Amino acid sequence: MKNTLLRPLALVAALSLGTFTSAQAVEYTTLEPEASSIVFSYSQMNVKMDGDFSELKATELSFDPANPESAKVTIEVALSSIETGSTDANTELAKGEWLAIEQHPIATFSSSNVEALGDNNYQITGDLSIKGHTQTVTAPFSFTDNGDTGIFSGSFTFQRGDYKIGEGAWSSFGIVANDVEIKFDIIAKQ
């Protein structure tokens, strides 16, 4: 009789625990583009230059801090949203020698792997496509859980020559450095 009573109690406890554990899983799936930022910097004649892109969207976003290996993200950046602080520079960078925005209006990052490094630090690897050229990049990032909001902050460097950014007279890395640093703060909601 004692075993007969304990079995249903054990089943109820197991089901309750399973429900509780599932309820604790948190997945961030909605990008907050107005709160997010993508900033770039590079050197031109040994002077640091920077700018940002104000229009981005996630065509795919799924991140659960308890299961980061299953994360997926695809972010598109409207290159026409470039802001350098100079109208002339914005116009120049839109041209074919630089970003060729008319022919290639969108830059895309699509993840292939996310790895947990510990202490809310991660590493994401994926394909970065700019101006019709694609390269694999890896970026370390930190994750901060602010209730129903997640903040992903990180940076990585790519070589502009790999994407044919700055062709012709601008192809010399002595004038404009080859390295371009990207810093990102991506804000997502559950």
N, C-alpha and C. Protein backbone atom coordinates (compact mmCIF):
# COMPACT_ATOMS: atom_id res chain seq x y z
N MET A 1 0.82 -1.19 0.00
CA MET A 1 0.00 0.00 0.00
C MET A 1 0.87 1.26 0.00
N LYS A 2 1.94 1.21 0.78
CA LYS A 2 2.82 2.37 0.87
C LYS A 2 3.44 2.69 -0.49
N ASN A 3 3.92 1.66 -1.22
CA ASN A 3 4.49 1.86 -2.55
C ASN A 3 3.46 2.37 -3.53
N THR A 4 2.22 1.91 -3.39
CA THR A 4 1.15 2.34 -4.29
C THR A 4 0.90 3.84 -4.15
N LEU A 5 0.96 4.37 -2.95
CA LEU A 5 0.76 5.81 -2.72
C LEU A 5 1.97 6.63 -3.17
N LEU A 6 3.15 6.08 -3.01
CA LEU A 6 4.35 6.82 -3.35
C LEU A 6 4.54 6.99 -4.86
N ARG A 7 4.10 6.01 -5.65
CA ARG A 7 4.28 6.11 -7.10
C ARG A 7 3.58 7.33 -7.69
N PRO A 8 2.29 7.56 -7.38
CA PRO A 8 1.66 8.76 -7.94
C PRO A 8 2.32 10.04 -7.45
N LEU A 9 2.75 10.05 -6.18
CA LEU A 9 3.42 11.24 -5.66
C LEU A 9 4.75 11.48 -6.38
N ALA A 10 5.48 10.42 -6.64
CA ALA A 10 6.74 10.55 -7.37
C ALA A 10 6.49 11.04 -8.78
N LEU A 11 5.43 10.54 -9.42
CA LEU A 11 5.09 10.98 -10.77
C LEU A 11 4.72 12.46 -10.78
N VAL A 12 3.91 12.89 -9.83
CA VAL A 12 3.52 14.30 -9.74
C VAL A 12 4.76 15.16 -9.50
N ALA A 13 5.64 14.73 -8.61
CA ALA A 13 6.86 15.49 -8.33
C ALA A 13 7.74 15.60 -9.57
N ALA A 14 7.88 14.49 -10.29
CA ALA A 14 8.70 14.51 -11.50
C ALA A 14 8.11 15.43 -12.55
N LEU A 15 6.80 15.37 -12.74
CA LEU A 15 6.14 16.24 -13.72
C LEU A 15 6.26 17.70 -13.31
N SER A 16 6.12 17.97 -12.03
CA SER A 16 6.24 19.35 -11.55
C SER A 16 7.65 19.87 -11.75
N LEU A 17 8.63 19.05 -11.46
CA LEU A 17 10.02 19.45 -11.64
C LEU A 17 10.31 19.71 -13.12
N GLY A 18 9.80 18.85 -13.98
CA GLY A 18 9.98 19.05 -15.42
C GLY A 18 9.34 20.35 -15.88
N THR A 19 8.18 20.67 -15.39
CA THR A 19 7.51 21.91 -15.75
C THR A 19 8.29 23.10 -15.23
N PHE A 20 8.77 23.00 -14.00
CA PHE A 20 9.54 24.10 -13.41
C PHE A 20 10.81 24.36 -14.22
N THR A 21 11.52 23.29 -14.57
CA THR A 21 12.75 23.43 -15.34
C THR A 21 12.47 24.05 -16.69
N SER A 22 11.42 23.61 -17.37
CA SER A 22 11.08 24.17 -18.67
C SER A 22 10.72 25.64 -18.56
N ALA A 23 10.06 26.01 -17.49
CA ALA A 23 9.66 27.41 -17.32
C ALA A 23 10.88 28.30 -17.11
N GLN A 24 11.98 27.71 -16.62
CA GLN A 24 13.17 28.50 -16.37
C GLN A 24 13.98 28.77 -17.64
N ALA A 25 13.75 27.98 -18.69
CA ALA A 25 14.46 28.21 -19.95
C ALA A 25 14.02 29.55 -20.53
N VAL A 26 15.00 30.37 -20.89
CA VAL A 26 14.73 31.70 -21.41
C VAL A 26 15.35 31.79 -22.80
N GLU A 27 14.56 32.24 -23.75
CA GLU A 27 15.08 32.37 -25.10
C GLU A 27 14.84 33.79 -25.58
N TYR A 28 15.90 34.41 -26.07
CA TYR A 28 15.82 35.76 -26.62
C TYR A 28 15.63 35.63 -28.13
N THR A 29 14.55 36.21 -28.64
CA THR A 29 14.18 35.99 -30.04
C THR A 29 13.85 37.26 -30.82
N THR A 30 13.76 38.40 -30.15
CA THR A 30 13.32 39.62 -30.83
C THR A 30 14.37 40.71 -30.70
N LEU A 31 14.92 41.12 -31.83
CA LEU A 31 15.91 42.20 -31.85
C LEU A 31 15.24 43.54 -31.59
N GLU A 32 15.88 44.37 -30.81
CA GLU A 32 15.45 45.74 -30.58
C GLU A 32 16.39 46.66 -31.37
N PRO A 33 16.10 46.91 -32.65
CA PRO A 33 17.06 47.63 -33.49
C PRO A 33 17.36 49.06 -33.04
N GLU A 34 16.37 49.76 -32.50
CA GLU A 34 16.61 51.14 -32.08
C GLU A 34 17.55 51.23 -30.89
N ALA A 35 17.57 50.18 -30.07
CA ALA A 35 18.43 50.17 -28.89
C ALA A 35 19.80 49.55 -29.17
N SER A 36 19.92 48.85 -30.29
CA SER A 36 21.17 48.16 -30.65
C SER A 36 22.11 49.10 -31.40
N SER A 37 23.39 48.75 -31.41
CA SER A 37 24.34 49.58 -32.16
C SER A 37 25.43 48.72 -32.79
N ILE A 38 25.84 49.16 -33.97
CA ILE A 38 26.99 48.58 -34.66
C ILE A 38 27.90 49.74 -35.04
N VAL A 39 29.09 49.77 -34.45
CA VAL A 39 30.04 50.86 -34.65
C VAL A 39 31.28 50.27 -35.33
N PHE A 40 31.84 51.01 -36.30
CA PHE A 40 33.06 50.56 -36.95
C PHE A 40 34.15 51.61 -36.77
N SER A 41 35.40 51.15 -36.79
CA SER A 41 36.53 52.08 -36.72
C SER A 41 37.67 51.53 -37.57
N TYR A 42 38.48 52.45 -38.07
CA TYR A 42 39.61 52.12 -38.92
C TYR A 42 40.58 53.30 -38.86
N SER A 43 41.75 53.14 -39.44
CA SER A 43 42.73 54.23 -39.49
C SER A 43 42.91 54.70 -40.92
N GLN A 44 42.88 56.02 -41.10
CA GLN A 44 43.16 56.63 -42.39
C GLN A 44 44.33 57.58 -42.19
N MET A 45 45.45 57.28 -42.83
CA MET A 45 46.69 58.05 -42.67
C MET A 45 47.04 58.19 -41.18
N ASN A 46 46.92 57.07 -40.47
CA ASN A 46 47.23 56.94 -39.04
C ASN A 46 46.32 57.75 -38.14
N VAL A 47 45.17 58.18 -38.64
CA VAL A 47 44.18 58.88 -37.82
C VAL A 47 42.98 57.95 -37.66
N LYS A 48 42.56 57.73 -36.41
CA LYS A 48 41.42 56.85 -36.17
C LYS A 48 40.14 57.52 -36.66
N MET A 49 39.36 56.77 -37.44
CA MET A 49 38.08 57.22 -37.96
C MET A 49 37.03 56.23 -37.47
N ASP A 50 35.81 56.71 -37.28
CA ASP A 50 34.76 55.78 -36.89
C ASP A 50 33.41 56.22 -37.43
N GLY A 51 32.47 55.34 -37.28
CA GLY A 51 31.11 55.59 -37.73
C GLY A 51 30.21 54.48 -37.23
N ASP A 52 28.97 54.53 -37.66
CA ASP A 52 28.03 53.49 -37.25
C ASP A 52 26.98 53.27 -38.32
N PHE A 53 26.22 52.21 -38.11
CA PHE A 53 25.08 51.88 -38.96
C PHE A 53 23.85 51.88 -38.06
N SER A 54 22.80 52.58 -38.48
CA SER A 54 21.63 52.73 -37.62
C SER A 54 20.47 51.81 -37.98
N GLU A 55 20.54 51.13 -39.12
CA GLU A 55 19.43 50.26 -39.51
C GLU A 55 19.89 48.81 -39.58
N LEU A 56 19.35 48.00 -38.69
CA LEU A 56 19.64 46.58 -38.71
C LEU A 56 18.39 45.80 -38.35
N LYS A 57 18.34 44.57 -38.81
CA LYS A 57 17.23 43.69 -38.45
C LYS A 57 17.74 42.27 -38.35
N ALA A 58 17.05 41.49 -37.54
CA ALA A 58 17.38 40.07 -37.40
C ALA A 58 16.35 39.28 -38.19
N THR A 59 16.82 38.53 -39.18
CA THR A 59 15.92 37.65 -39.89
C THR A 59 15.82 36.31 -39.17
N GLU A 60 16.76 36.07 -38.26
CA GLU A 60 16.74 34.89 -37.40
C GLU A 60 17.44 35.25 -36.11
N LEU A 61 16.81 34.94 -34.98
CA LEU A 61 17.43 35.21 -33.68
C LEU A 61 16.86 34.23 -32.66
N SER A 62 17.75 33.47 -32.07
CA SER A 62 17.36 32.50 -31.05
C SER A 62 18.58 32.27 -30.15
N PHE A 63 18.48 32.71 -28.89
CA PHE A 63 19.58 32.53 -27.95
C PHE A 63 19.02 32.18 -26.59
N ASP A 64 19.40 31.01 -26.08
CA ASP A 64 19.05 30.56 -24.74
C ASP A 64 20.36 30.41 -23.98
N PRO A 65 20.60 31.24 -22.95
CA PRO A 65 21.87 31.18 -22.22
C PRO A 65 22.15 29.80 -21.62
N ALA A 66 21.11 29.01 -21.36
CA ALA A 66 21.30 27.67 -20.82
C ALA A 66 21.70 26.67 -21.90
N ASN A 67 21.52 27.04 -23.16
CA ASN A 67 21.83 26.15 -24.27
C ASN A 67 22.41 26.96 -25.44
N PRO A 68 23.55 27.63 -25.22
CA PRO A 68 24.08 28.53 -26.25
C PRO A 68 24.48 27.84 -27.54
N GLU A 69 24.82 26.55 -27.46
CA GLU A 69 25.24 25.84 -28.66
C GLU A 69 24.14 25.76 -29.71
N SER A 70 22.89 25.92 -29.30
CA SER A 70 21.77 25.86 -30.25
C SER A 70 21.40 27.24 -30.79
N ALA A 71 22.14 28.26 -30.40
CA ALA A 71 21.82 29.63 -30.83
C ALA A 71 21.95 29.79 -32.34
N LYS A 72 21.09 30.63 -32.88
CA LYS A 72 21.12 30.98 -34.30
C LYS A 72 20.86 32.47 -34.42
N VAL A 73 21.62 33.11 -35.28
CA VAL A 73 21.37 34.53 -35.53
C VAL A 73 21.76 34.87 -36.96
N THR A 74 20.91 35.62 -37.60
CA THR A 74 21.21 36.23 -38.89
C THR A 74 20.80 37.68 -38.79
N ILE A 75 21.77 38.57 -38.93
CA ILE A 75 21.51 40.01 -38.83
C ILE A 75 21.85 40.66 -40.15
N GLU A 76 20.95 41.51 -40.61
CA GLU A 76 21.16 42.28 -41.83
C GLU A 76 21.33 43.75 -41.46
N VAL A 77 22.33 44.39 -42.06
CA VAL A 77 22.61 45.80 -41.82
C VAL A 77 22.41 46.55 -43.13
N ALA A 78 21.56 47.58 -43.10
CA ALA A 78 21.36 48.43 -44.27
C ALA A 78 22.56 49.36 -44.39
N LEU A 79 23.39 49.14 -45.40
CA LEU A 79 24.61 49.93 -45.55
C LEU A 79 24.31 51.40 -45.81
N SER A 80 23.14 51.70 -46.34
CA SER A 80 22.76 53.10 -46.58
C SER A 80 22.56 53.87 -45.29
N SER A 81 22.50 53.16 -44.16
CA SER A 81 22.33 53.83 -42.86
C SER A 81 23.66 54.24 -42.24
N ILE A 82 24.74 54.20 -43.04
CA ILE A 82 26.06 54.56 -42.53
C ILE A 82 26.08 56.03 -42.10
N GLU A 83 26.76 56.27 -40.98
CA GLU A 83 26.92 57.64 -40.48
C GLU A 83 28.35 57.78 -39.96
N THR A 84 29.10 58.66 -40.62
CA THR A 84 30.50 58.90 -40.24
C THR A 84 30.69 60.25 -39.57
N GLY A 85 29.63 61.05 -39.55
CA GLY A 85 29.75 62.41 -39.04
C GLY A 85 30.06 63.41 -40.14
N SER A 86 30.19 62.91 -41.38
CA SER A 86 30.49 63.77 -42.52
C SER A 86 29.64 63.33 -43.71
N THR A 87 28.83 64.25 -44.23
CA THR A 87 28.01 63.93 -45.40
C THR A 87 28.89 63.53 -46.58
N ASP A 88 30.02 64.21 -46.76
CA ASP A 88 30.94 63.88 -47.85
C ASP A 88 31.48 62.46 -47.70
N ALA A 89 31.88 62.09 -46.50
CA ALA A 89 32.40 60.74 -46.26
C ALA A 89 31.31 59.69 -46.48
N ASN A 90 30.09 59.97 -46.01
CA ASN A 90 28.98 59.04 -46.22
C ASN A 90 28.76 58.81 -47.71
N THR A 91 28.78 59.89 -48.49
CA THR A 91 28.58 59.81 -49.95
C THR A 91 29.72 59.03 -50.60
N GLU A 92 30.94 59.30 -50.18
CA GLU A 92 32.11 58.60 -50.75
C GLU A 92 32.05 57.10 -50.46
N LEU A 93 31.70 56.74 -49.23
CA LEU A 93 31.67 55.33 -48.85
C LEU A 93 30.56 54.55 -49.56
N ALA A 94 29.55 55.24 -50.05
CA ALA A 94 28.46 54.58 -50.79
C ALA A 94 28.89 54.18 -52.20
N LYS A 95 29.97 54.77 -52.70
CA LYS A 95 30.41 54.54 -54.08
C LYS A 95 30.96 53.12 -54.29
N GLY A 96 31.06 52.74 -55.55
CA GLY A 96 31.49 51.40 -55.93
C GLY A 96 32.85 50.99 -55.41
N GLU A 97 33.78 51.95 -55.30
CA GLU A 97 35.12 51.62 -54.81
C GLU A 97 35.09 51.19 -53.34
N TRP A 98 34.10 51.65 -52.63
CA TRP A 98 34.00 51.36 -51.20
C TRP A 98 32.95 50.29 -50.94
N LEU A 99 31.75 50.67 -50.57
CA LEU A 99 30.72 49.69 -50.20
C LEU A 99 29.79 49.31 -51.35
N ALA A 100 29.79 50.08 -52.43
CA ALA A 100 28.91 49.79 -53.59
C ALA A 100 27.47 49.56 -53.12
N ILE A 101 26.96 50.53 -52.38
CA ILE A 101 25.66 50.38 -51.72
C ILE A 101 24.52 50.17 -52.72
N GLU A 102 24.59 50.81 -53.87
CA GLU A 102 23.52 50.63 -54.85
C GLU A 102 23.43 49.17 -55.31
N GLN A 103 24.57 48.53 -55.54
CA GLN A 103 24.59 47.14 -55.98
C GLN A 103 24.48 46.14 -54.82
N HIS A 104 24.96 46.53 -53.67
CA HIS A 104 25.01 45.63 -52.50
C HIS A 104 24.51 46.38 -51.27
N PRO A 105 23.21 46.58 -51.14
CA PRO A 105 22.68 47.43 -50.07
C PRO A 105 22.72 46.83 -48.67
N ILE A 106 22.92 45.52 -48.57
CA ILE A 106 22.84 44.86 -47.27
C ILE A 106 24.13 44.11 -46.96
N ALA A 107 24.61 44.24 -45.73
CA ALA A 107 25.67 43.37 -45.20
C ALA A 107 24.98 42.38 -44.26
N THR A 108 25.45 41.14 -44.27
CA THR A 108 24.78 40.10 -43.49
C THR A 108 25.79 39.33 -42.65
N PHE A 109 25.39 39.03 -41.41
CA PHE A 109 26.14 38.09 -40.58
C PHE A 109 25.20 36.94 -40.25
N SER A 110 25.65 35.72 -40.51
CA SER A 110 24.86 34.53 -40.22
C SER A 110 25.71 33.55 -39.42
N SER A 111 25.26 33.23 -38.22
CA SER A 111 26.05 32.39 -37.32
C SER A 111 26.08 30.94 -37.78
N SER A 112 27.18 30.27 -37.43
CA SER A 112 27.29 28.83 -37.66
C SER A 112 27.61 28.10 -36.36
N ASN A 113 28.10 28.84 -35.34
CA ASN A 113 28.47 28.20 -34.08
C ASN A 113 28.53 29.24 -32.97
N VAL A 114 28.04 28.86 -31.80
CA VAL A 114 28.20 29.67 -30.59
C VAL A 114 28.77 28.75 -29.51
N GLU A 115 29.80 29.23 -28.85
CA GLU A 115 30.48 28.44 -27.83
C GLU A 115 30.50 29.21 -26.51
N ALA A 116 30.12 28.54 -25.43
CA ALA A 116 30.19 29.14 -24.09
C ALA A 116 31.64 29.11 -23.61
N LEU A 117 32.12 30.24 -23.09
CA LEU A 117 33.48 30.34 -22.56
C LEU A 117 33.51 30.43 -21.04
N GLY A 118 32.33 30.61 -20.43
CA GLY A 118 32.23 30.75 -18.98
C GLY A 118 32.03 32.18 -18.56
N ASP A 119 31.44 32.38 -17.38
CA ASP A 119 31.21 33.71 -16.81
C ASP A 119 30.47 34.64 -17.76
N ASN A 120 29.43 34.13 -18.42
CA ASN A 120 28.61 34.92 -19.36
C ASN A 120 29.39 35.43 -20.56
N ASN A 121 30.48 34.76 -20.88
CA ASN A 121 31.26 35.09 -22.08
C ASN A 121 31.11 33.96 -23.09
N TYR A 122 31.02 34.35 -24.34
CA TYR A 122 30.77 33.40 -25.42
C TYR A 122 31.63 33.77 -26.62
N GLN A 123 31.61 32.90 -27.60
CA GLN A 123 32.28 33.17 -28.87
C GLN A 123 31.34 32.73 -29.98
N ILE A 124 31.13 33.62 -30.94
CA ILE A 124 30.25 33.31 -32.07
C ILE A 124 31.09 33.28 -33.34
N THR A 125 30.81 32.31 -34.18
CA THR A 125 31.46 32.19 -35.48
C THR A 125 30.38 32.17 -36.54
N GLY A 126 30.65 32.81 -37.65
CA GLY A 126 29.68 32.82 -38.74
C GLY A 126 30.23 33.50 -39.97
N ASP A 127 29.38 33.61 -40.96
CA ASP A 127 29.76 34.22 -42.24
C ASP A 127 29.34 35.67 -42.29
N LEU A 128 30.31 36.53 -42.60
CA LEU A 128 30.05 37.95 -42.80
C LEU A 128 30.12 38.22 -44.30
N SER A 129 29.02 38.72 -44.85
CA SER A 129 28.94 39.02 -46.28
C SER A 129 28.80 40.52 -46.49
N ILE A 130 29.74 41.08 -47.24
CA ILE A 130 29.72 42.50 -47.58
C ILE A 130 30.13 42.62 -49.04
N LYS A 131 29.38 43.40 -49.78
CA LYS A 131 29.74 43.73 -51.16
C LYS A 131 29.93 42.49 -52.03
N GLY A 132 29.12 41.46 -51.77
CA GLY A 132 29.19 40.24 -52.57
C GLY A 132 30.31 39.29 -52.20
N HIS A 133 31.03 39.56 -51.12
CA HIS A 133 32.13 38.71 -50.67
C HIS A 133 31.81 38.20 -49.27
N THR A 134 32.14 36.93 -49.02
CA THR A 134 31.82 36.30 -47.74
C THR A 134 33.08 35.71 -47.13
N GLN A 135 33.26 35.98 -45.84
CA GLN A 135 34.38 35.44 -45.07
C GLN A 135 33.84 34.96 -43.72
N THR A 136 34.50 33.97 -43.14
CA THR A 136 34.14 33.50 -41.81
C THR A 136 34.84 34.38 -40.78
N VAL A 137 34.08 34.84 -39.79
CA VAL A 137 34.64 35.65 -38.71
C VAL A 137 34.24 35.04 -37.37
N THR A 138 35.03 35.31 -36.36
CA THR A 138 34.75 34.86 -35.00
C THR A 138 34.81 36.07 -34.08
N ALA A 139 33.82 36.17 -33.20
CA ALA A 139 33.75 37.32 -32.30
C ALA A 139 33.46 36.86 -30.87
N PRO A 140 34.32 37.23 -29.92
CA PRO A 140 33.97 37.02 -28.53
C PRO A 140 32.90 38.04 -28.13
N PHE A 141 32.00 37.62 -27.24
CA PHE A 141 31.00 38.57 -26.74
C PHE A 141 30.58 38.19 -25.33
N SER A 142 30.07 39.19 -24.63
CA SER A 142 29.51 38.95 -23.30
C SER A 142 28.00 39.05 -23.40
N PHE A 143 27.33 38.38 -22.50
CA PHE A 143 25.87 38.42 -22.45
C PHE A 143 25.45 38.88 -21.07
N THR A 144 24.54 39.85 -21.04
CA THR A 144 23.98 40.35 -19.78
C THR A 144 22.48 40.14 -19.81
N ASP A 145 21.97 39.47 -18.79
CA ASP A 145 20.53 39.22 -18.67
C ASP A 145 19.93 40.32 -17.80
N ASN A 146 19.09 41.16 -18.40
CA ASN A 146 18.39 42.22 -17.67
C ASN A 146 16.89 41.94 -17.68
N GLY A 147 16.49 40.88 -16.99
CA GLY A 147 15.07 40.53 -16.97
C GLY A 147 14.63 39.98 -18.31
N ASP A 148 13.71 40.68 -18.98
CA ASP A 148 13.25 40.19 -20.28
C ASP A 148 14.10 40.72 -21.43
N THR A 149 15.19 41.41 -21.10
CA THR A 149 16.08 41.97 -22.12
C THR A 149 17.47 41.34 -21.99
N GLY A 150 18.05 40.98 -23.13
CA GLY A 150 19.41 40.46 -23.16
C GLY A 150 20.30 41.42 -23.92
N ILE A 151 21.51 41.62 -23.42
CA ILE A 151 22.47 42.52 -24.07
C ILE A 151 23.69 41.69 -24.49
N PHE A 152 23.97 41.71 -25.78
CA PHE A 152 25.11 41.00 -26.36
C PHE A 152 26.13 42.05 -26.78
N SER A 153 27.29 42.07 -26.14
CA SER A 153 28.32 43.09 -26.42
C SER A 153 29.62 42.41 -26.81
N GLY A 154 30.16 42.83 -27.95
CA GLY A 154 31.41 42.23 -28.39
C GLY A 154 32.06 43.02 -29.50
N SER A 155 33.13 42.46 -30.02
CA SER A 155 33.85 43.11 -31.12
C SER A 155 34.63 42.08 -31.90
N PHE A 156 34.96 42.45 -33.12
CA PHE A 156 35.84 41.64 -33.95
C PHE A 156 36.47 42.55 -35.00
N THR A 157 37.50 42.05 -35.64
CA THR A 157 38.19 42.80 -36.68
C THR A 157 38.16 41.99 -37.97
N PHE A 158 37.90 42.68 -39.08
CA PHE A 158 38.03 42.03 -40.38
C PHE A 158 38.94 42.87 -41.26
N GLN A 159 39.39 42.29 -42.36
CA GLN A 159 40.26 42.98 -43.29
C GLN A 159 39.42 43.46 -44.48
N ARG A 160 39.43 44.76 -44.71
CA ARG A 160 38.60 45.34 -45.77
C ARG A 160 38.98 44.81 -47.14
N GLY A 161 40.25 44.46 -47.33
CA GLY A 161 40.70 43.91 -48.61
C GLY A 161 40.01 42.61 -48.98
N ASP A 162 39.63 41.82 -47.97
CA ASP A 162 38.92 40.56 -48.22
C ASP A 162 37.55 40.79 -48.84
N TYR A 163 37.01 41.98 -48.68
CA TYR A 163 35.67 42.32 -49.17
C TYR A 163 35.72 43.33 -50.32
N LYS A 164 36.92 43.64 -50.77
CA LYS A 164 37.11 44.63 -51.86
C LYS A 164 36.53 45.99 -51.48
N ILE A 165 36.68 46.35 -50.21
CA ILE A 165 36.25 47.67 -49.73
C ILE A 165 37.44 48.61 -49.85
N GLY A 166 37.32 49.63 -50.67
CA GLY A 166 38.43 50.55 -50.92
C GLY A 166 39.28 50.07 -52.07
N GLU A 167 38.73 50.13 -53.26
CA GLU A 167 39.45 49.69 -54.46
C GLU A 167 40.06 50.88 -55.18
N GLY A 168 40.81 50.58 -56.24
CA GLY A 168 41.41 51.65 -57.04
C GLY A 168 42.42 52.44 -56.23
N ALA A 169 42.29 53.76 -56.27
CA ALA A 169 43.23 54.65 -55.57
C ALA A 169 43.23 54.40 -54.06
N TRP A 170 42.17 53.79 -53.53
CA TRP A 170 42.05 53.56 -52.10
C TRP A 170 42.52 52.17 -51.67
N SER A 171 43.08 51.40 -52.59
CA SER A 171 43.45 50.02 -52.26
C SER A 171 44.72 49.92 -51.42
N SER A 172 45.51 50.99 -51.35
CA SER A 172 46.73 50.97 -50.55
C SER A 172 46.39 50.97 -49.07
N PHE A 173 46.93 49.99 -48.36
CA PHE A 173 46.70 49.92 -46.92
C PHE A 173 47.55 50.93 -46.16
N GLY A 174 48.45 51.63 -46.87
CA GLY A 174 49.21 52.71 -46.26
C GLY A 174 48.38 53.97 -46.08
N ILE A 175 47.36 54.13 -46.92
CA ILE A 175 46.47 55.29 -46.80
C ILE A 175 45.33 54.97 -45.85
N VAL A 176 44.62 53.90 -46.15
CA VAL A 176 43.53 53.43 -45.27
C VAL A 176 43.91 52.02 -44.83
N ALA A 177 44.03 51.83 -43.53
CA ALA A 177 44.46 50.53 -42.99
C ALA A 177 43.52 49.41 -43.43
N ASN A 178 44.06 48.21 -43.49
CA ASN A 178 43.28 47.05 -43.89
C ASN A 178 42.31 46.61 -42.79
N ASP A 179 42.69 46.80 -41.53
CA ASP A 179 41.86 46.35 -40.41
C ASP A 179 40.68 47.29 -40.17
N VAL A 180 39.51 46.68 -40.03
CA VAL A 180 38.30 47.41 -39.65
C VAL A 180 37.76 46.72 -38.40
N GLU A 181 37.61 47.47 -37.33
CA GLU A 181 37.07 46.91 -36.09
C GLU A 181 35.58 47.19 -36.03
N ILE A 182 34.83 46.16 -35.66
CA ILE A 182 33.39 46.27 -35.46
C ILE A 182 33.11 46.04 -33.98
N LYS A 183 32.39 46.97 -33.37
CA LYS A 183 31.91 46.80 -31.99
C LYS A 183 30.40 46.76 -32.05
N PHE A 184 29.82 45.81 -31.32
CA PHE A 184 28.37 45.68 -31.36
C PHE A 184 27.78 45.56 -29.96
N ASP A 185 26.62 46.15 -29.81
CA ASP A 185 25.76 45.98 -28.65
C ASP A 185 24.39 45.64 -29.22
N ILE A 186 24.04 44.38 -29.16
CA ILE A 186 22.77 43.91 -29.70
C ILE A 186 21.83 43.69 -28.52
N ILE A 187 20.68 44.34 -28.60
CA ILE A 187 19.67 44.24 -27.54
C ILE A 187 18.53 43.37 -28.07
N ALA A 188 18.17 42.36 -27.28
CA ALA A 188 17.11 41.44 -27.69
C ALA A 188 16.14 41.22 -26.54
N LYS A 189 14.90 40.95 -26.91
CA LYS A 189 13.84 40.66 -25.93
C LYS A 189 13.48 39.18 -26.01
N GLN A 190 12.86 38.70 -24.93
CA GLN A 190 12.38 37.32 -24.91
C GLN A 190 11.15 37.20 -25.78
